[in-house]
C-alpha atoms as a PDB file:
ATOM      1  CA  UNK A   1     157.404 131.673 -34.832  1.00  0.00           C
ATOM      2  CA  UNK A   2     157.710 131.152 -38.606  1.00  0.00           C
ATOM      3  CA  UNK A   3     158.012 127.392 -38.107  1.00  0.00           C
ATOM      4  CA  UNK A   4     154.897 127.317 -35.882  1.00  0.00           C
ATOM      5  CA  UNK A   5     152.879 129.278 -38.476  1.00  0.00           C
ATOM      6  CA  UNK A   6     154.052 126.911 -41.224  1.00  0.00           C
ATOM      7  CA  UNK A   7     153.054 123.868 -39.169  1.00  0.00           C
ATOM      8  CA  UNK A   8     149.632 125.368 -38.445  1.00  0.00           C
ATOM      9  CA  UNK A   9     149.062 126.098 -42.143  1.00  0.00           C
ATOM     10  CA  UNK A  10     150.040 122.532 -43.035  1.00  0.00           C
ATOM     11  CA  UNK A  11     147.644 121.089 -40.457  1.00  0.00           C
ATOM     12  CA  UNK A  12     144.895 123.435 -41.663  1.00  0.00           C
ATOM     13  CA  UNK A  13     145.484 122.416 -45.269  1.00  0.00           C
ATOM     14  CA  UNK A  14     145.459 118.709 -44.349  1.00  0.00           C
ATOM     15  CA  UNK A  15     142.235 119.151 -42.365  1.00  0.00           C
ATOM     16  CA  UNK A  16     140.476 120.983 -45.214  1.00  0.00           C
ATOM     17  CA  UNK A  17     141.592 118.355 -47.733  1.00  0.00           C
ATOM     18  CA  UNK A  18     140.351 115.565 -45.481  1.00  0.00           C
ATOM     19  CA  UNK A  19     137.041 117.373 -44.966  1.00  0.00           C
ATOM     20  CA  UNK A  20     136.659 117.879 -48.711  1.00  0.00           C
ATOM     21  CA  UNK A  21     137.390 114.179 -49.319  1.00  0.00           C
ATOM     22  CA  UNK A  22     134.821 113.115 -46.694  1.00  0.00           C
ATOM     23  CA  UNK A  23     132.198 115.397 -48.260  1.00  0.00           C
ATOM     24  CA  UNK A  24     132.846 113.906 -51.692  1.00  0.00           C
ATOM     25  CA  UNK A  25     132.437 110.387 -50.294  1.00  0.00           C
ATOM     26  CA  UNK A  26     129.237 111.400 -48.508  1.00  0.00           C
ATOM     27  CA  UNK A  27     127.706 112.996 -51.606  1.00  0.00           C
ATOM     28  CA  UNK A  28     128.797 110.511 -54.257  1.00  0.00           C
ATOM     29  CA  UNK A  29     129.709 107.156 -52.669  1.00  0.00           C
ATOM     30  CA  UNK A  30     128.071 106.262 -49.350  1.00  0.00           C
ATOM     31  CA  UNK A  31     126.456 107.668 -46.257  1.00  0.00           C
ATOM     32  CA  UNK A  32     125.641 106.224 -42.845  1.00  0.00           C
ATOM     33  CA  UNK A  33     122.101 106.498 -41.483  1.00  0.00           C
ATOM     34  CA  UNK A  34     120.753 105.533 -38.092  1.00  0.00           C
ATOM     35  CA  UNK A  35     117.345 103.848 -37.913  1.00  0.00           C
ATOM     36  CA  UNK A  36     114.932 105.511 -35.456  1.00  0.00           C
ATOM     37  CA  UNK A  37     111.779 103.384 -35.929  1.00  0.00           C
ATOM     38  CA  UNK A  38     110.558  99.781 -35.944  1.00  0.00           C
ATOM     39  CA  UNK A  39     108.922  99.807 -39.385  1.00  0.00           C
ATOM     40  CA  UNK A  40     111.578  97.480 -40.884  1.00  0.00           C
ATOM     41  CA  UNK A  41     111.889  95.062 -37.986  1.00  0.00           C
ATOM     42  CA  UNK A  42     112.948  92.335 -37.956  1.00  0.00           C
ATOM     43  CA  UNK A  43     115.226  93.062 -40.930  1.00  0.00           C
ATOM     44  CA  UNK A  44     116.549  96.358 -39.558  1.00  0.00           C
ATOM     45  CA  UNK A  45     116.310  97.216 -35.869  1.00  0.00           C
ATOM     46  CA  UNK A  46     115.970 100.512 -34.063  1.00  0.00           C
ATOM     47  CA  UNK A  47     119.526 101.649 -33.354  1.00  0.00           C
ATOM     48  CA  UNK A  48     121.094 100.042 -36.435  1.00  0.00           C
ATOM     49  CA  UNK A  49     123.670 102.159 -38.260  1.00  0.00           C
ATOM     50  CA  UNK A  50     123.112 101.436 -41.931  1.00  0.00           C
ATOM     51  CA  UNK A  51     125.598 101.983 -44.764  1.00  0.00           C
ATOM     52  CA  UNK A  52     123.781 103.325 -47.834  1.00  0.00           C
ATOM     53  CA  UNK A  53     125.376 102.747 -51.233  1.00  0.00           C
ATOM     54  CA  UNK A  54     124.865 105.805 -53.464  1.00  0.00           C
ATOM     55  CA  UNK A  55     126.828 104.427 -56.407  1.00  0.00           C
ATOM     56  CA  UNK A  56     124.449 101.518 -57.044  1.00  0.00           C
ATOM     57  CA  UNK A  57     121.632 103.527 -58.658  1.00  0.00           C
ATOM     58  CA  UNK A  58     123.836 106.524 -59.410  1.00  0.00           C
ATOM     59  CA  UNK A  59     124.629 109.395 -57.067  1.00  0.00           C
ATOM     60  CA  UNK A  60     121.985 112.117 -56.874  1.00  0.00           C
ATOM     61  CA  UNK A  61     123.634 115.514 -57.127  1.00  0.00           C
ATOM     62  CA  UNK A  62     122.693 118.083 -54.467  1.00  0.00           C
ATOM     63  CA  UNK A  63     119.410 119.857 -55.200  1.00  0.00           C
ATOM     64  CA  UNK A  64     119.929 122.490 -52.488  1.00  0.00           C
ATOM     65  CA  UNK A  65     123.626 123.413 -52.819  1.00  0.00           C
ATOM     66  CA  UNK A  66     123.563 126.183 -50.187  1.00  0.00           C
ATOM     67  CA  UNK A  67     123.594 123.714 -47.296  1.00  0.00           C
ATOM     68  CA  UNK A  68     125.790 123.310 -44.232  1.00  0.00           C
ATOM     69  CA  UNK A  69     127.603 119.949 -44.352  1.00  0.00           C
ATOM     70  CA  UNK A  70     126.648 117.235 -41.810  1.00  0.00           C
ATOM     71  CA  UNK A  71     123.386 118.982 -40.871  1.00  0.00           C
ATOM     72  CA  UNK A  72     120.175 117.769 -42.444  1.00  0.00           C
ATOM     73  CA  UNK A  73     117.288 120.123 -41.666  1.00  0.00           C
ATOM     74  CA  UNK A  74     118.202 122.363 -38.730  1.00  0.00           C
ATOM     75  CA  UNK A  75     121.254 123.768 -36.986  1.00  0.00           C
ATOM     76  CA  UNK A  76     118.992 124.272 -33.992  1.00  0.00           C
ATOM     77  CA  UNK A  77     115.619 122.545 -34.213  1.00  0.00           C
ATOM     78  CA  UNK A  78     114.111 124.263 -31.179  1.00  0.00           C
ATOM     79  CA  UNK A  79     114.885 127.704 -32.587  1.00  0.00           C
ATOM     80  CA  UNK A  80     114.094 126.586 -36.159  1.00  0.00           C
ATOM     81  CA  UNK A  81     117.502 127.666 -37.449  1.00  0.00           C
ATOM     82  CA  UNK A  82     117.711 126.095 -40.879  1.00  0.00           C
ATOM     83  CA  UNK A  83     120.765 124.168 -42.091  1.00  0.00           C
ATOM     84  CA  UNK A  84     120.246 125.324 -45.675  1.00  0.00           C
ATOM     85  CA  UNK A  85     119.249 128.340 -47.741  1.00  0.00           C
ATOM     86  CA  UNK A  86     116.449 127.669 -50.256  1.00  0.00           C
ATOM     87  CA  UNK A  87     117.475 130.607 -52.469  1.00  0.00           C
ATOM     88  CA  UNK A  88     119.143 128.324 -55.027  1.00  0.00           C
ATOM     89  CA  UNK A  89     117.520 125.108 -56.154  1.00  0.00           C
ATOM     90  CA  UNK A  90     119.021 122.921 -58.887  1.00  0.00           C
ATOM     91  CA  UNK A  91     117.212 120.525 -61.183  1.00  0.00           C
ATOM     92  CA  UNK A  92     117.287 116.840 -60.314  1.00  0.00           C
ATOM     93  CA  UNK A  93     120.228 114.999 -61.856  1.00  0.00           C
ATOM     94  CA  UNK A  94     121.585 111.537 -61.123  1.00  0.00           C
ATOM     95  CA  UNK A  95     124.911 110.136 -62.283  1.00  0.00           C
ATOM     96  CA  UNK A  96     124.864 106.735 -64.014  1.00  0.00           C
ATOM     97  CA  UNK A  97     124.778 103.777 -61.629  1.00  0.00           C
ATOM     98  CA  UNK A  98     125.910 100.202 -62.084  1.00  0.00           C
ATOM     99  CA  UNK A  99     122.502  98.601 -61.397  1.00  0.00           C
ATOM    100  CA  UNK A 100     118.785  99.378 -61.459  1.00  0.00           C
ATOM    101  CA  UNK A 101     116.352  99.402 -58.574  1.00  0.00           C
ATOM    102  CA  UNK A 102     114.871  95.936 -58.207  1.00  0.00           C
ATOM    103  CA  UNK A 103     111.962  94.514 -56.270  1.00  0.00           C
ATOM    104  CA  UNK A 104     112.901  93.705 -52.661  1.00  0.00           C
ATOM    105  CA  UNK A 105     115.800  96.194 -52.611  1.00  0.00           C
ATOM    106  CA  UNK A 106     115.864  98.111 -49.340  1.00  0.00           C
ATOM    107  CA  UNK A 107     115.837 101.832 -50.189  1.00  0.00           C
ATOM    108  CA  UNK A 108     116.665 104.991 -48.296  1.00  0.00           C
ATOM    109  CA  UNK A 109     114.751 107.987 -49.610  1.00  0.00           C
ATOM    110  CA  UNK A 110     113.388 111.397 -48.698  1.00  0.00           C
ATOM    111  CA  UNK A 111     109.808 111.366 -47.409  1.00  0.00           C
ATOM    112  CA  UNK A 112     107.776 112.478 -50.459  1.00  0.00           C
ATOM    113  CA  UNK A 113     104.803 114.194 -48.802  1.00  0.00           C
ATOM    114  CA  UNK A 114     106.857 116.465 -46.563  1.00  0.00           C
ATOM    115  CA  UNK A 115     106.275 119.962 -47.934  1.00  0.00           C
ATOM    116  CA  UNK A 116     108.201 122.264 -45.586  1.00  0.00           C
ATOM    117  CA  UNK A 117     111.670 121.239 -46.830  1.00  0.00           C
ATOM    118  CA  UNK A 118     113.264 120.903 -50.297  1.00  0.00           C
ATOM    119  CA  UNK A 119     113.566 117.356 -51.669  1.00  0.00           C
ATOM    120  CA  UNK A 120     117.097 116.594 -50.437  1.00  0.00           C
ATOM    121  CA  UNK A 121     116.343 117.939 -46.948  1.00  0.00           C
ATOM    122  CA  UNK A 122     113.146 116.004 -46.367  1.00  0.00           C
ATOM    123  CA  UNK A 123     113.132 113.357 -43.634  1.00  0.00           C
ATOM    124  CA  UNK A 124     114.916 110.065 -44.288  1.00  0.00           C
ATOM    125  CA  UNK A 125     112.811 106.915 -44.658  1.00  0.00           C
ATOM    126  CA  UNK A 126     113.938 103.323 -45.144  1.00  0.00           C
ATOM    127  CA  UNK A 127     111.588 100.755 -46.719  1.00  0.00           C
ATOM    128  CA  UNK A 128     111.595  97.780 -49.059  1.00  0.00           C
ATOM    129  CA  UNK A 129     110.834  98.363 -52.742  1.00  0.00           C
ATOM    130  CA  UNK A 130     107.847  96.214 -53.696  1.00  0.00           C
ATOM    131  CA  UNK A 131     106.657  97.508 -57.073  1.00  0.00           C
ATOM    132  CA  UNK A 132     108.562  99.124 -59.946  1.00  0.00           C
ATOM    133  CA  UNK A 133     107.491 101.576 -62.652  1.00  0.00           C
ATOM    134  CA  UNK A 134     104.889  99.976 -64.971  1.00  0.00           C
ATOM    135  CA  UNK A 135     103.979  97.352 -62.363  1.00  0.00           C
ATOM    136  CA  UNK A 136     100.446  96.841 -61.108  1.00  0.00           C
ATOM    137  CA  UNK A 137     100.271  96.084 -57.391  1.00  0.00           C
ATOM    138  CA  UNK A 138      97.466  94.532 -55.407  1.00  0.00           C
ATOM    139  CA  UNK A 139      97.358  93.391 -51.784  1.00  0.00           C
ATOM    140  CA  UNK A 140      94.849  90.688 -50.830  1.00  0.00           C
ATOM    141  CA  UNK A 141      94.663  89.308 -47.302  1.00  0.00           C
ATOM    142  CA  UNK A 142      98.136  90.827 -46.669  1.00  0.00           C
ATOM    143  CA  UNK A 143      99.617  88.919 -49.645  1.00  0.00           C
ATOM    144  CA  UNK A 144     101.248  91.110 -52.302  1.00  0.00           C
ATOM    145  CA  UNK A 145     100.601  90.497 -55.995  1.00  0.00           C
ATOM    146  CA  UNK A 146     102.670  92.153 -58.721  1.00  0.00           C
ATOM    147  CA  UNK A 147     101.175  91.913 -62.210  1.00  0.00           C
ATOM    148  CA  UNK A 148      98.843  89.152 -60.890  1.00  0.00           C
ATOM    149  CA  UNK A 149     101.745  87.064 -59.544  1.00  0.00           C
ATOM    150  CA  UNK A 150     102.191  86.640 -55.795  1.00  0.00           C
ATOM    151  CA  UNK A 151     105.422  88.156 -54.497  1.00  0.00           C
ATOM    152  CA  UNK A 152     107.547  86.019 -52.206  1.00  0.00           C
ATOM    153  CA  UNK A 153     107.469  87.382 -48.677  1.00  0.00           C
ATOM    154  CA  UNK A 154     110.848  88.555 -47.292  1.00  0.00           C
ATOM    155  CA  UNK A 155     112.166  86.085 -44.726  1.00  0.00           C
ATOM    156  CA  UNK A 156     112.001  88.587 -41.865  1.00  0.00           C
ATOM    157  CA  UNK A 157     108.651  90.170 -42.741  1.00  0.00           C
ATOM    158  CA  UNK A 158     106.326  90.103 -39.755  1.00  0.00           C
ATOM    159  CA  UNK A 159     102.659  90.677 -38.964  1.00  0.00           C
ATOM    160  CA  UNK A 160     100.539  91.273 -35.883  1.00  0.00           C
ATOM    161  CA  UNK A 161      99.085  88.184 -34.199  1.00  0.00           C
ATOM    162  CA  UNK A 162      96.835  87.730 -31.196  1.00  0.00           C
ATOM    163  CA  UNK A 163      98.343  84.906 -29.151  1.00  0.00           C
ATOM    164  CA  UNK A 164      96.331  83.130 -26.449  1.00  0.00           C
ATOM    165  CA  UNK A 165      98.613  81.106 -24.141  1.00  0.00           C
ATOM    166  CA  UNK A 166      97.487  78.159 -22.031  1.00  0.00           C
ATOM    167  CA  UNK A 167      98.890  79.734 -18.893  1.00  0.00           C
ATOM    168  CA  UNK A 168     101.470  82.145 -17.621  1.00  0.00           C
ATOM    169  CA  UNK A 169     104.522  82.518 -19.879  1.00  0.00           C
ATOM    170  CA  UNK A 170     107.772  84.095 -18.779  1.00  0.00           C
ATOM    171  CA  UNK A 171     110.161  86.080 -20.938  1.00  0.00           C
ATOM    172  CA  UNK A 172     112.595  83.183 -21.341  1.00  0.00           C
ATOM    173  CA  UNK A 173     110.056  81.391 -23.553  1.00  0.00           C
ATOM    174  CA  UNK A 174     109.742  84.381 -25.898  1.00  0.00           C
ATOM    175  CA  UNK A 175     113.530  84.821 -25.876  1.00  0.00           C
ATOM    176  CA  UNK A 176     114.037  81.190 -26.899  1.00  0.00           C
ATOM    177  CA  UNK A 177     111.980  81.872 -30.036  1.00  0.00           C
ATOM    178  CA  UNK A 178     113.657  85.269 -30.587  1.00  0.00           C
ATOM    179  CA  UNK A 179     110.322  87.049 -30.161  1.00  0.00           C
ATOM    180  CA  UNK A 180     111.153  90.535 -28.938  1.00  0.00           C
ATOM    181  CA  UNK A 181     108.395  92.759 -30.335  1.00  0.00           C
ATOM    182  CA  UNK A 182     104.928  92.854 -28.825  1.00  0.00           C
ATOM    183  CA  UNK A 183     102.947  93.461 -25.679  1.00  0.00           C
ATOM    184  CA  UNK A 184     100.619  91.693 -23.286  1.00  0.00           C
ATOM    185  CA  UNK A 185      96.957  92.644 -23.115  1.00  0.00           C
ATOM    186  CA  UNK A 186      96.257  91.779 -19.479  1.00  0.00           C
ATOM    187  CA  UNK A 187      92.473  92.227 -19.465  1.00  0.00           C
ATOM    188  CA  UNK A 188      91.995  89.682 -22.230  1.00  0.00           C
ATOM    189  CA  UNK A 189      94.781  87.278 -21.193  1.00  0.00           C
ATOM    190  CA  UNK A 190      96.415  87.466 -24.585  1.00  0.00           C
ATOM    191  CA  UNK A 191      99.502  88.844 -26.272  1.00  0.00           C
ATOM    192  CA  UNK A 192      99.759  91.057 -29.339  1.00  0.00           C
ATOM    193  CA  UNK A 193     102.991  89.971 -31.044  1.00  0.00           C
ATOM    194  CA  UNK A 194     104.833  90.789 -34.279  1.00  0.00           C
ATOM    195  CA  UNK A 195     105.803  87.407 -35.733  1.00  0.00           C
ATOM    196  CA  UNK A 196     107.616  86.180 -38.813  1.00  0.00           C
ATOM    197  CA  UNK A 197     106.266  83.115 -40.611  1.00  0.00           C
ATOM    198  CA  UNK A 198     108.911  80.958 -38.912  1.00  0.00           C
ATOM    199  CA  UNK A 199     108.067  82.295 -35.447  1.00  0.00           C
ATOM    200  CA  UNK A 200     104.377  81.710 -36.101  1.00  0.00           C
ATOM    201  CA  UNK A 201     105.078  78.050 -36.921  1.00  0.00           C
ATOM    202  CA  UNK A 202     107.340  77.673 -33.873  1.00  0.00           C
ATOM    203  CA  UNK A 203     104.534  78.934 -31.638  1.00  0.00           C
ATOM    204  CA  UNK A 204     102.006  76.635 -33.287  1.00  0.00           C
ATOM    205  CA  UNK A 205     104.276  73.664 -32.629  1.00  0.00           C
ATOM    206  CA  UNK A 206     104.852  74.580 -28.989  1.00  0.00           C
ATOM    207  CA  UNK A 207     102.663  73.135 -26.233  1.00  0.00           C
ATOM    208  CA  UNK A 208     102.112  76.467 -24.477  1.00  0.00           C
ATOM    209  CA  UNK A 209      99.706  78.163 -26.888  1.00  0.00           C
ATOM    210  CA  UNK A 210      95.955  77.657 -27.260  1.00  0.00           C
ATOM    211  CA  UNK A 211      95.276  79.715 -30.395  1.00  0.00           C
ATOM    212  CA  UNK A 212      96.979  82.232 -32.674  1.00  0.00           C
ATOM    213  CA  UNK A 213      94.964  84.574 -34.887  1.00  0.00           C
ATOM    214  CA  UNK A 214      96.385  87.036 -37.380  1.00  0.00           C
ATOM    215  CA  UNK A 215      95.145  90.607 -37.139  1.00  0.00           C
ATOM    216  CA  UNK A 216      93.506  91.471 -40.448  1.00  0.00           C
ATOM    217  CA  UNK A 217      90.988  93.842 -42.019  1.00  0.00           C
ATOM    218  CA  UNK A 218      88.047  92.429 -43.965  1.00  0.00           C
ATOM    219  CA  UNK A 219      87.928  92.975 -47.760  1.00  0.00           C
ATOM    220  CA  UNK A 220      84.917  95.305 -47.483  1.00  0.00           C
ATOM    221  CA  UNK A 221      86.350  97.424 -44.650  1.00  0.00           C
ATOM    222  CA  UNK A 222      87.186 100.930 -45.880  1.00  0.00           C
ATOM    223  CA  UNK A 223      90.003 102.753 -44.082  1.00  0.00           C
ATOM    224  CA  UNK A 224      89.866 106.494 -44.796  1.00  0.00           C
ATOM    225  CA  UNK A 225      93.513 106.941 -43.715  1.00  0.00           C
ATOM    226  CA  UNK A 226      94.747 104.784 -46.609  1.00  0.00           C
ATOM    227  CA  UNK A 227      95.860 106.306 -49.911  1.00  0.00           C
ATOM    228  CA  UNK A 228      94.115 107.796 -51.895  1.00  0.00           C
ATOM    229  CA  UNK A 229      91.716 108.690 -49.023  1.00  0.00           C
ATOM    230  CA  UNK A 230      88.699 108.297 -51.294  1.00  0.00           C
ATOM    231  CA  UNK A 231      85.731 105.962 -50.810  1.00  0.00           C
ATOM    232  CA  UNK A 232      85.753 105.372 -54.585  1.00  0.00           C
ATOM    233  CA  UNK A 233      88.740 103.159 -53.729  1.00  0.00           C
ATOM    234  CA  UNK A 234      87.588 101.491 -50.490  1.00  0.00           C
ATOM    235  CA  UNK A 235      90.989 100.080 -49.595  1.00  0.00           C
ATOM    236  CA  UNK A 236      92.643  99.219 -46.301  1.00  0.00           C
ATOM    237  CA  UNK A 237      96.186  98.124 -45.293  1.00  0.00           C
ATOM    238  CA  UNK A 238      95.432  94.435 -45.986  1.00  0.00           C
ATOM    239  CA  UNK A 239      93.311  94.827 -49.128  1.00  0.00           C
ATOM    240  CA  UNK A 240      94.803  97.446 -51.412  1.00  0.00           C
ATOM    241  CA  UNK A 241      94.681  98.105 -55.142  1.00  0.00           C
ATOM    242  CA  UNK A 242      94.984  97.234 -57.928  1.00  0.00           C
ATOM    243  CA  UNK A 243      97.164 100.299 -58.557  1.00  0.00           C
ATOM    244  CA  UNK A 244      99.227 100.913 -61.692  1.00  0.00           C
ATOM    245  CA  UNK A 245     102.651 102.452 -60.944  1.00  0.00           C
ATOM    246  CA  UNK A 246     103.542 105.171 -63.489  1.00  0.00           C
ATOM    247  CA  UNK A 247     106.828 105.026 -65.383  1.00  0.00           C
ATOM    248  CA  UNK A 248     108.697 107.846 -67.061  1.00  0.00           C
ATOM    249  CA  UNK A 249     107.145 108.313 -70.514  1.00  0.00           C
ATOM    250  CA  UNK A 250     103.875 106.600 -69.546  1.00  0.00           C
ATOM    251  CA  UNK A 251     100.729 108.219 -70.916  1.00  0.00           C
ATOM    252  CA  UNK A 252      97.811 107.823 -68.521  1.00  0.00           C
ATOM    253  CA  UNK A 253      94.364 109.243 -69.044  1.00  0.00           C
ATOM    254  CA  UNK A 254      93.278 111.082 -65.914  1.00  0.00           C
ATOM    255  CA  UNK A 255      89.535 110.701 -65.471  1.00  0.00           C
ATOM    256  CA  UNK A 256      86.937 111.471 -62.834  1.00  0.00           C
ATOM    257  CA  UNK A 257      87.332 107.898 -61.612  1.00  0.00           C
ATOM    258  CA  UNK A 258      91.128 107.828 -61.118  1.00  0.00           C
ATOM    259  CA  UNK A 259      91.594 111.534 -60.360  1.00  0.00           C
ATOM    260  CA  UNK A 260      92.216 110.978 -56.640  1.00  0.00           C
ATOM    261  CA  UNK A 261      94.868 108.323 -57.456  1.00  0.00           C
ATOM    262  CA  UNK A 262      97.023 110.408 -59.766  1.00  0.00           C
ATOM    263  CA  UNK A 263      96.211 114.064 -59.052  1.00  0.00           C
ATOM    264  CA  UNK A 264      98.576 114.169 -56.004  1.00  0.00           C
ATOM    265  CA  UNK A 265     101.461 112.927 -58.199  1.00  0.00           C
ATOM    266  CA  UNK A 266     100.703 115.470 -60.890  1.00  0.00           C
ATOM    267  CA  UNK A 267     100.518 118.361 -58.447  1.00  0.00           C
ATOM    268  CA  UNK A 268     103.487 117.484 -56.199  1.00  0.00           C
ATOM    269  CA  UNK A 269     105.995 115.937 -58.587  1.00  0.00           C
ATOM    270  CA  UNK A 270     104.911 116.455 -62.212  1.00  0.00           C
ATOM    271  CA  UNK A 271     104.293 120.223 -62.048  1.00  0.00           C
ATOM    272  CA  UNK A 272     100.930 119.669 -63.717  1.00  0.00           C
ATOM    273  CA  UNK A 273      97.921 121.276 -62.068  1.00  0.00           C
ATOM    274  CA  UNK A 274      94.778 119.575 -63.302  1.00  0.00           C
ATOM    275  CA  UNK A 275      91.317 120.461 -62.099  1.00  0.00           C
ATOM    276  CA  UNK A 276      88.396 118.062 -62.073  1.00  0.00           C
ATOM    277  CA  UNK A 277      86.683 120.350 -64.588  1.00  0.00           C
ATOM    278  CA  UNK A 278      89.368 119.751 -67.240  1.00  0.00           C
ATOM    279  CA  UNK A 279      88.971 115.960 -67.309  1.00  0.00           C
ATOM    280  CA  UNK A 280      89.581 113.698 -69.105  1.00  0.00           C
ATOM    281  CA  UNK A 281      93.241 114.680 -69.483  1.00  0.00           C
ATOM    282  CA  UNK A 282      96.140 112.801 -71.071  1.00  0.00           C
ATOM    283  CA  UNK A 283      99.334 113.109 -69.023  1.00  0.00           C
ATOM    284  CA  UNK A 284     102.819 111.925 -70.003  1.00  0.00           C
ATOM    285  CA  UNK A 285     104.705 111.193 -66.783  1.00  0.00           C
ATOM    286  CA  UNK A 286     108.167 112.709 -66.391  1.00  0.00           C
ATOM    287  CA  UNK A 287     109.248 110.579 -63.394  1.00  0.00           C
ATOM    288  CA  UNK A 288     109.540 106.937 -62.449  1.00  0.00           C
ATOM    289  CA  UNK A 289     107.636 105.929 -59.313  1.00  0.00           C
ATOM    290  CA  UNK A 290     108.013 103.129 -56.783  1.00  0.00           C
ATOM    291  CA  UNK A 291     105.782 101.430 -54.208  1.00  0.00           C
ATOM    292  CA  UNK A 292     107.438 100.645 -50.863  1.00  0.00           C
ATOM    293  CA  UNK A 293     106.464  98.689 -47.745  1.00  0.00           C
ATOM    294  CA  UNK A 294     108.010  98.175 -44.339  1.00  0.00           C
ATOM    295  CA  UNK A 295     108.901  94.606 -43.355  1.00  0.00           C
ATOM    296  CA  UNK A 296     106.985  95.138 -40.106  1.00  0.00           C
ATOM    297  CA  UNK A 297     103.873  95.182 -42.257  1.00  0.00           C
ATOM    298  CA  UNK A 298     101.265  96.027 -39.627  1.00  0.00           C
ATOM    299  CA  UNK A 299     103.390  98.715 -37.977  1.00  0.00           C
ATOM    300  CA  UNK A 300     104.789 100.687 -40.895  1.00  0.00           C
ATOM    301  CA  UNK A 301     103.940 104.030 -42.470  1.00  0.00           C
ATOM    302  CA  UNK A 302     104.535 103.332 -46.158  1.00  0.00           C
ATOM    303  CA  UNK A 303     103.065 103.636 -49.652  1.00  0.00           C
ATOM    304  CA  UNK A 304      99.729 102.246 -48.489  1.00  0.00           C
ATOM    305  CA  UNK A 305      99.352 105.314 -46.296  1.00  0.00           C
ATOM    306  CA  UNK A 306     100.908 108.182 -48.276  1.00  0.00           C
ATOM    307  CA  UNK A 307     101.461 107.043 -51.861  1.00  0.00           C
ATOM    308  CA  UNK A 308     104.344 106.474 -54.260  1.00  0.00           C
ATOM    309  CA  UNK A 309     108.022 107.435 -54.103  1.00  0.00           C
ATOM    310  CA  UNK A 310     109.350 109.451 -57.084  1.00  0.00           C
ATOM    311  CA  UNK A 311     112.795 108.492 -58.361  1.00  0.00           C
ATOM    312  CA  UNK A 312     114.228 111.930 -57.538  1.00  0.00           C
ATOM    313  CA  UNK A 313     113.589 111.272 -53.825  1.00  0.00           C
ATOM    314  CA  UNK A 314     115.676 108.092 -53.722  1.00  0.00           C
ATOM    315  CA  UNK A 315     119.064 108.411 -52.013  1.00  0.00           C
ATOM    316  CA  UNK A 316     120.506 104.938 -52.368  1.00  0.00           C
ATOM    317  CA  UNK A 317     120.467 101.259 -51.491  1.00  0.00           C
ATOM    318  CA  UNK A 318     120.776 100.089 -47.883  1.00  0.00           C
ATOM    319  CA  UNK A 319     123.519  97.463 -48.048  1.00  0.00           C
ATOM    320  CA  UNK A 320     125.157  96.762 -44.688  1.00  0.00           C
ATOM    321  CA  UNK A 321     124.483  97.225 -40.987  1.00  0.00           C
ATOM    322  CA  UNK A 322     127.801  98.620 -39.769  1.00  0.00           C
ATOM    323  CA  UNK A 323     126.930  98.176 -36.095  1.00  0.00           C
ATOM    324  CA  UNK A 324     123.900  98.369 -33.855  1.00  0.00           C
ATOM    325  CA  UNK A 325     123.211 100.007 -30.517  1.00  0.00           C
ATOM    326  CA  UNK A 326     120.368  98.807 -28.311  1.00  0.00           C
ATOM    327  CA  UNK A 327     118.692 102.041 -27.261  1.00  0.00           C
ATOM    328  CA  UNK A 328     116.656 100.465 -24.482  1.00  0.00           C
ATOM    329  CA  UNK A 329     117.780 102.433 -21.369  1.00  0.00           C
ATOM    330  CA  UNK A 330     117.989  99.266 -19.306  1.00  0.00           C
ATOM    331  CA  UNK A 331     120.051  97.420 -21.915  1.00  0.00           C
ATOM    332  CA  UNK A 332     122.229 100.059 -23.547  1.00  0.00           C
ATOM    333  CA  UNK A 333     124.872  98.049 -25.337  1.00  0.00           C
ATOM    334  CA  UNK A 334     126.230  97.231 -28.775  1.00  0.00           C
ATOM    335  CA  UNK A 335     124.560  94.319 -30.568  1.00  0.00           C
ATOM    336  CA  UNK A 336     127.770  92.642 -31.703  1.00  0.00           C
ATOM    337  CA  UNK A 337     125.933  89.966 -33.710  1.00  0.00           C
ATOM    338  CA  UNK A 338     124.674  92.657 -36.106  1.00  0.00           C
ATOM    339  CA  UNK A 339     128.102  94.142 -36.898  1.00  0.00           C
ATOM    340  CA  UNK A 340     128.808  94.219 -40.671  1.00  0.00           C
ATOM    341  CA  UNK A 341     125.606  92.300 -41.384  1.00  0.00           C
ATOM    342  CA  UNK A 342     124.431  92.341 -45.006  1.00  0.00           C
ATOM    343  CA  UNK A 343     120.867  93.568 -45.502  1.00  0.00           C
ATOM    344  CA  UNK A 344     118.691  91.123 -47.426  1.00  0.00           C
END
């Protein structure tokens, strides 16, 4: 009996030590995230399991320490049983990293505009960093300009195109060009496809297509669902900005004209409540901010729609696809060609 109790205690001790070690790795070194949406296709696919490097930019220490490990928001979502207690909230602190966030890095972060959870329990998003603190971003005809210089498009970035074929096309043709995202619009005898630049050229050079037109807003078309939701800035997803990205220590004069651009940042993340009656107002920003886009540009909820990402919401850098599971019910299988694939 004594021997059995000793063995049990040893196993218990080993288990607790292993659990503690795993928790340390998860908090300070890396974490694995699964991708639920298509906003980063064709760079990252739905069903990819992505390794996120937390050491690169420095590990963010827990903000809500009274949390149950391995649960993000709920123990039971249907019954709304929370996985954390909001009674204790710590100030944001990040350990030193070995590199800085750079343009075109793929970031995992907490969704900034989610208000019903503390920062480190907000939903996970994955997007590409496009603009850094102190940058000025502008989008013209879907082309991104940073500080008046056009940014090179990521190789796998894709856009929506209307494709008019000459006749019936079977799936083998699309498969040969690795075109997997899109749908047929039967009534108009056309396809709506998400194409990279290379796929667009391959279709142009084929003998099965009549015309290809890119889906695009006009410069004068105001979209009221685009940040900052103000007709003073009549922007749309394809014509956006110019917008200056605040940096920590920046002093920006908040005026009647730019109030709708910066007031949400001040209220949500800067703890500065400014009314329109108190303008103009000089504000020194306490956070760095970033502008992010999805590589599936016409099918992504990103900074064009909800604004900037504060530094304290950033979790880490998406580095490697560990493996990938095709979640299509008719094709449930592992995508072996994506195993240990570096994210670029």
